[in-house]
């Protein structure tokens, strides 16, 4: 038996890695990223995240919370209308200031999108790296287009990291704001301050969603007009 022909009946399949890689790229650009843009448009249009709808819920929660605080202070023999001791007593009672439902729901959705955009950006950067020629040939428009695309992808990754850290900063700052006022007189003022803090950050995080959508659209536009040079 000829050893050279021993596996002739079961030849090893040859995988065209370039074609497979281009298919993956098209999936990112034509399916995954456009899908993210549609979801972001839906998120921004949702009335759930409207400040005008979130405020009445906050006001109702604040009212119930104030009743609980007043009842507990009276039980401790402290005048709830007094200017001293009320907030410290409230802190000792372990009074819980509820989270803003609209902000928390928005942050939950954005965190999922931050994870997905990181995956898209990593996949794009990997494709661009693998498709770079090993040797430059002078003024190569393909090389320049891929370099610009790589720079755009890295910018999106950096912006995404900053937005993700902003979520943690929001919770840390909010907790510090509450602690500061719980340790001092003026507990109701603390609730008003937190409400303004929450509604302001609701708009900030909605703007983050707008910026994410814009970054996606800019990236798709760049690939669309330069596709002949990139692939």
Protein backbone atom coordinates (compact mmCIF):
# COMPACT_ATOMS: atom_id res chain seq x y z
CA UNK A 1 0.00 0.00 0.00
CA UNK A 2 1.31 3.41 -0.93
CA UNK A 3 1.70 5.52 2.22
CA UNK A 4 1.19 8.68 0.20
CA UNK A 5 -2.29 7.52 -0.79
CA UNK A 6 -3.27 6.09 2.59
CA UNK A 7 -5.66 8.99 3.45
CA UNK A 8 -6.83 9.71 -0.09
CA UNK A 9 -10.38 8.62 0.75
CA UNK A 10 -10.56 11.05 3.72
CA UNK A 11 -8.77 14.19 2.64
CA UNK A 12 -8.27 16.90 5.24
CA UNK A 13 -10.75 19.74 4.57
CA UNK A 14 -9.16 23.01 3.60
CA UNK A 15 -10.69 26.01 5.38
CA UNK A 16 -10.58 29.33 3.63
CA UNK A 17 -9.85 31.47 6.70
CA UNK A 18 -9.98 34.71 4.70
CA UNK A 19 -13.49 34.00 3.43
CA UNK A 20 -14.65 32.91 6.90
CA UNK A 21 -13.15 36.03 8.42
CA UNK A 22 -14.92 38.26 5.88
CA UNK A 23 -18.22 36.54 6.63
CA UNK A 24 -17.72 37.28 10.33
CA UNK A 25 -16.96 40.91 9.51
CA UNK A 26 -20.15 41.25 7.46
CA UNK A 27 -22.13 39.70 10.30
CA UNK A 28 -20.84 42.38 12.67
CA UNK A 29 -21.44 45.25 10.24
CA UNK A 30 -24.75 44.13 8.74
CA UNK A 31 -26.46 42.30 11.61
CA UNK A 32 -24.99 42.82 15.04
CA UNK A 33 -24.24 46.55 15.05
CA UNK A 34 -27.44 47.59 13.17
CA UNK A 35 -29.36 45.53 15.72
CA UNK A 36 -27.71 47.48 18.54
CA UNK A 37 -28.68 50.77 16.89
CA UNK A 38 -32.32 49.66 16.66
CA UNK A 39 -32.30 48.68 20.35
CA UNK A 40 -30.72 51.99 21.39
CA UNK A 41 -33.34 53.93 19.42
CA UNK A 42 -36.06 51.96 21.20
CA UNK A 43 -34.46 52.58 24.59
CA UNK A 44 -34.22 56.32 24.00
CA UNK A 45 -37.84 56.50 22.84
CA UNK A 46 -39.18 54.54 25.82
CA UNK A 47 -41.39 56.58 28.20
CA UNK A 48 -40.01 54.52 31.09
CA UNK A 49 -36.96 56.78 31.17
CA UNK A 50 -38.80 60.10 30.97
CA UNK A 51 -37.91 62.32 33.94
CA UNK A 52 -41.46 63.70 34.07
CA UNK A 53 -42.81 60.20 34.69
CA UNK A 54 -40.11 59.24 37.16
CA UNK A 55 -40.57 62.24 39.44
CA UNK A 56 -44.14 61.48 40.66
CA UNK A 57 -43.02 57.99 41.67
CA UNK A 58 -40.09 59.50 43.57
CA UNK A 59 -42.41 62.00 45.27
CA UNK A 60 -44.76 59.23 46.37
CA UNK A 61 -41.87 57.16 47.72
CA UNK A 62 -40.45 60.20 49.53
CA UNK A 63 -43.81 60.86 51.19
CA UNK A 64 -44.09 57.31 52.49
CA UNK A 65 -40.48 57.40 53.64
CA UNK A 66 -41.02 60.65 55.55
CA UNK A 67 -44.01 59.10 57.36
CA UNK A 68 -41.86 56.14 58.40
CA UNK A 69 -39.07 58.42 59.61
CA UNK A 70 -41.48 60.66 61.56
CA UNK A 71 -43.17 57.68 63.24
CA UNK A 72 -39.85 56.16 64.27
CA UNK A 73 -38.53 59.47 65.59
CA UNK A 74 -41.66 59.96 67.69
CA UNK A 75 -41.25 56.44 69.06
CA UNK A 76 -37.73 57.44 70.14
CA UNK A 77 -39.04 60.61 71.75
CA UNK A 78 -37.49 62.89 69.12
CA UNK A 79 -39.47 65.74 67.57
CA UNK A 80 -39.53 64.95 63.79
CA UNK A 81 -39.88 68.71 63.11
CA UNK A 82 -36.85 69.58 65.21
CA UNK A 83 -33.68 70.88 63.64
CA UNK A 84 -31.27 68.62 65.49
CA UNK A 85 -30.82 64.93 65.93
CA UNK A 86 -33.47 63.85 63.44
CA UNK A 87 -31.17 62.71 60.66
CA UNK A 88 -28.78 60.93 63.03
CA UNK A 89 -31.69 59.07 64.58
CA UNK A 90 -32.92 58.18 61.11
CA UNK A 91 -29.50 56.82 60.27
CA UNK A 92 -29.43 54.77 63.47
CA UNK A 93 -32.83 53.35 62.56
CA UNK A 94 -31.38 52.09 59.29
CA UNK A 95 -33.82 54.06 57.14
CA UNK A 96 -33.48 53.00 53.51
CA UNK A 97 -33.66 55.57 50.75
CA UNK A 98 -35.01 53.71 47.69
CA UNK A 99 -33.14 53.70 44.42
CA UNK A 100 -34.55 55.63 41.49
CA UNK A 101 -36.34 52.96 39.45
CA UNK A 102 -35.89 54.70 36.10
CA UNK A 103 -32.15 55.20 36.60
CA UNK A 104 -31.56 51.65 37.82
CA UNK A 105 -33.50 50.12 34.94
CA UNK A 106 -31.64 52.27 32.41
CA UNK A 107 -28.27 51.34 33.93
CA UNK A 108 -29.14 47.64 33.83
CA UNK A 109 -29.85 47.91 30.10
CA UNK A 110 -26.79 50.03 29.40
CA UNK A 111 -24.47 47.64 31.24
CA UNK A 112 -25.62 44.81 28.96
CA UNK A 113 -24.96 46.99 25.93
CA UNK A 114 -21.52 47.97 27.25
CA UNK A 115 -20.60 44.27 27.37
CA UNK A 116 -21.86 43.71 23.81
CA UNK A 117 -20.13 46.77 22.36
CA UNK A 118 -16.89 45.55 23.93
CA UNK A 119 -17.34 42.22 22.14
CA UNK A 120 -18.10 43.91 18.81
CA UNK A 121 -15.08 46.19 19.14
CA UNK A 122 -12.77 43.30 20.10
CA UNK A 123 -14.00 41.25 17.13
CA UNK A 124 -13.48 44.16 14.75
CA UNK A 125 -10.04 44.93 16.11
CA UNK A 126 -9.06 41.25 15.77
CA UNK A 127 -10.26 41.17 12.15
CA UNK A 128 -8.38 44.36 11.31
CA UNK A 129 -5.19 43.09 12.97
CA UNK A 130 -5.33 39.74 11.18
CA UNK A 131 -5.98 41.39 7.81
CA UNK A 132 -3.04 43.79 8.04
CA UNK A 133 -0.31 42.95 5.51
CA UNK A 134 3.00 41.89 6.99
CA UNK A 135 4.97 44.22 4.69
CA UNK A 136 4.02 47.78 3.83
CA UNK A 137 4.16 48.80 0.18
CA UNK A 138 4.58 52.53 0.47
CA UNK A 139 1.46 54.67 0.00
CA UNK A 140 -1.09 51.91 0.46
CA UNK A 141 -4.70 53.10 0.70
CA UNK A 142 -5.78 49.73 2.11
CA UNK A 143 -3.28 49.99 4.94
CA UNK A 144 -4.31 53.56 5.72
CA UNK A 145 -8.02 52.69 5.72
CA UNK A 146 -7.43 49.82 8.14
CA UNK A 147 -5.32 52.01 10.40
CA UNK A 148 -8.08 54.62 10.55
CA UNK A 149 -10.67 51.92 11.23
CA UNK A 150 -8.51 50.48 14.03
CA UNK A 151 -8.15 53.94 15.59
CA UNK A 152 -11.93 54.41 15.47
CA UNK A 153 -12.53 51.02 17.10
CA UNK A 154 -10.02 51.77 19.87
CA UNK A 155 -11.71 55.13 20.50
CA UNK A 156 -15.06 53.40 20.88
CA UNK A 157 -13.51 50.92 23.31
CA UNK A 158 -12.00 53.72 25.43
CA UNK A 159 -15.27 55.66 25.47
CA UNK A 160 -17.14 52.50 26.44
CA UNK A 161 -14.77 51.87 29.35
CA UNK A 162 -15.30 55.42 30.61
CA UNK A 163 -19.08 55.07 30.44
CA UNK A 164 -18.95 51.76 32.28
CA UNK A 165 -16.90 53.31 35.09
CA UNK A 166 -19.40 56.19 35.26
CA UNK A 167 -22.06 53.73 36.45
CA UNK A 168 -19.95 52.73 39.45
CA UNK A 169 -19.16 56.40 40.12
CA UNK A 170 -22.90 57.20 40.14
CA UNK A 171 -23.64 54.62 42.86
CA UNK A 172 -20.59 55.60 44.94
CA UNK A 173 -21.40 59.32 44.76
CA UNK A 174 -25.08 58.76 45.52
CA UNK A 175 -24.23 56.67 48.59
CA UNK A 176 -21.78 59.33 49.79
CA UNK A 177 -24.38 62.06 49.30
CA UNK A 178 -26.91 60.17 51.39
CA UNK A 179 -24.41 59.39 54.12
CA UNK A 180 -23.36 63.03 54.31
CA UNK A 181 -26.91 64.22 54.90
CA UNK A 182 -27.86 61.36 57.21
CA UNK A 183 -25.03 62.41 59.50
CA UNK A 184 -26.33 66.00 59.62
CA UNK A 185 -29.68 67.74 60.19
CA UNK A 186 -31.98 68.17 57.21
CA UNK A 187 -32.94 64.64 56.18
CA UNK A 188 -35.71 65.85 53.87
CA UNK A 189 -33.24 68.14 52.13
CA UNK A 190 -31.15 65.06 51.48
CA UNK A 191 -34.05 63.40 49.70
CA UNK A 192 -34.55 66.46 47.49
CA UNK A 193 -30.83 66.57 46.72
CA UNK A 194 -30.81 62.89 45.79
CA UNK A 195 -33.87 63.37 43.59
CA UNK A 196 -32.10 66.14 41.65
CA UNK A 197 -28.95 64.01 41.50
CA UNK A 198 -30.95 61.07 40.11
CA UNK A 199 -32.90 63.01 37.50
CA UNK A 200 -29.73 64.78 36.36
CA UNK A 201 -27.91 61.47 35.96
CA UNK A 202 -30.88 59.95 34.17
CA UNK A 203 -30.32 62.53 31.44
CA UNK A 204 -26.55 61.98 31.53
CA UNK A 205 -26.89 58.24 31.02
CA UNK A 206 -29.46 58.74 28.27
CA UNK A 207 -26.85 60.95 26.58
CA UNK A 208 -24.39 58.07 26.93
CA UNK A 209 -26.85 55.93 24.98
CA UNK A 210 -27.06 58.63 22.29
CA UNK A 211 -23.26 58.77 22.08
CA UNK A 212 -23.07 54.97 21.78
CA UNK A 213 -25.59 55.05 18.94
CA UNK A 214 -23.69 57.84 17.18
CA UNK A 215 -20.40 55.94 17.51
CA UNK A 216 -21.99 52.85 15.97
CA UNK A 217 -23.40 54.89 13.07
CA UNK A 218 -20.07 56.63 12.43
CA UNK A 219 -18.30 53.27 12.41
CA UNK A 220 -20.78 51.75 9.96
CA UNK A 221 -20.53 54.82 7.72
CA UNK A 222 -16.71 54.62 7.68
CA UNK A 223 -16.72 50.94 6.76
CA UNK A 224 -19.41 51.51 4.12
CA UNK A 225 -17.54 54.23 2.22
CA UNK A 226 -14.15 52.49 2.60
CA UNK A 227 -15.15 48.85 2.20
CA UNK A 228 -13.28 48.47 -1.10
CA UNK A 229 -10.05 49.45 0.66
CA UNK A 230 -10.65 47.51 3.89
CA UNK A 231 -11.48 44.03 2.56
